[in-house]
Protein backbone atom coordinates (compact mmCIF):
# COMPACT_ATOMS: atom_id res chain seq x y z
CA MET A 1 -37.51 -7.93 -4.00
CA TYR A 2 -35.89 -5.12 -4.82
CA THR A 3 -31.77 -3.95 -5.38
CA VAL A 4 -29.32 -0.94 -5.15
CA ASN A 5 -26.93 -0.12 -6.32
CA ALA A 6 -24.06 2.12 -4.86
CA GLN A 7 -21.33 3.07 -5.68
CA ILE A 8 -18.69 3.03 -2.08
CA ASP A 9 -15.24 5.21 -2.74
CA VAL A 10 -13.17 2.51 -0.31
CA THR A 11 -9.70 4.42 -0.20
CA ARG A 12 -11.19 6.98 2.38
CA SER A 13 -11.77 4.75 5.94
CA SER A 14 -15.51 5.94 6.57
CA GLY A 15 -16.45 3.78 3.42
CA ARG A 16 -14.43 0.77 4.27
CA ARG A 17 -16.38 0.56 7.37
CA LEU A 18 -19.58 1.08 5.31
CA LEU A 19 -18.42 -2.16 3.00
CA ARG A 20 -17.05 -4.23 5.95
CA GLU A 21 -20.42 -3.60 8.25
CA LEU A 22 -22.43 -4.24 4.51
CA GLU A 23 -20.94 -7.01 4.06
CA LYS A 24 -21.71 -8.98 8.33
CA HIS A 25 -25.27 -9.64 6.13
CA PRO A 26 -25.11 -11.77 4.15
CA LYS A 27 -28.26 -13.69 3.34
CA VAL A 28 -29.96 -9.64 2.74
CA VAL A 29 -25.79 -7.92 0.82
CA LYS A 30 -24.19 -9.26 -1.88
CA VAL A 31 -20.46 -7.75 -2.59
CA GLU A 32 -19.57 -8.06 -5.78
CA TYR A 33 -15.70 -6.26 -6.10
CA PRO A 34 -14.52 -5.02 -10.38
CA LEU A 35 -12.20 -6.28 -11.42
CA PRO A 36 -8.25 -4.06 -11.90
CA PRO A 37 -8.55 -2.55 -15.87
CA GLY A 38 -5.67 -4.39 -16.58
CA VAL A 39 -7.43 -7.82 -15.82
CA SER A 40 -9.20 -9.06 -19.26
CA GLY A 41 -11.52 -11.98 -17.22
CA THR A 42 -11.07 -14.03 -19.39
CA GLY A 43 -7.93 -16.14 -18.03
CA TYR A 44 -5.77 -18.77 -19.83
CA SER A 45 -7.45 -22.87 -20.74
CA ILE A 46 -5.74 -25.83 -17.91
CA ASP A 47 -3.71 -26.65 -21.02
CA GLU A 48 -2.20 -23.03 -22.44
CA ILE A 49 -1.13 -23.27 -18.46
CA ARG A 50 0.92 -26.16 -18.76
CA GLU A 51 2.37 -25.92 -21.49
CA MET A 52 3.62 -21.64 -19.84
CA GLY A 53 4.41 -24.04 -17.20
CA TYR A 54 7.11 -26.79 -19.12
CA ASN A 55 8.19 -24.28 -20.95
CA LYS A 56 9.45 -22.02 -18.05
CA LEU A 57 10.91 -25.42 -16.11
CA SER A 58 12.56 -26.62 -20.16
CA ALA A 59 13.99 -23.17 -20.79
CA HIS A 60 14.90 -23.26 -16.96
CA TYR A 61 16.72 -26.54 -16.59
CA GLY A 62 17.56 -26.39 -20.63
CA ILE A 63 16.02 -30.01 -21.71
CA ASP A 64 12.54 -30.40 -23.02
CA VAL A 65 10.69 -32.04 -19.53
CA ARG A 66 8.12 -33.62 -21.62
CA LYS A 67 9.58 -36.03 -22.71
CA LEU A 68 11.34 -37.01 -19.29
């Protein structure tokens, strides 16, 4: 199988229309969207997210919610 990489300017209406047409053929076309420049792509672990939530709730309610 041969592959072709193309860059489509989706800020213009013709580019968005072309992209929509390509997305109609999922067996043949695989569309990948790049991450925005400010996003690193690594993300947080579930434990880090839980800890941030506990910290935010503790600050909001003025008590340590981990002890409830």
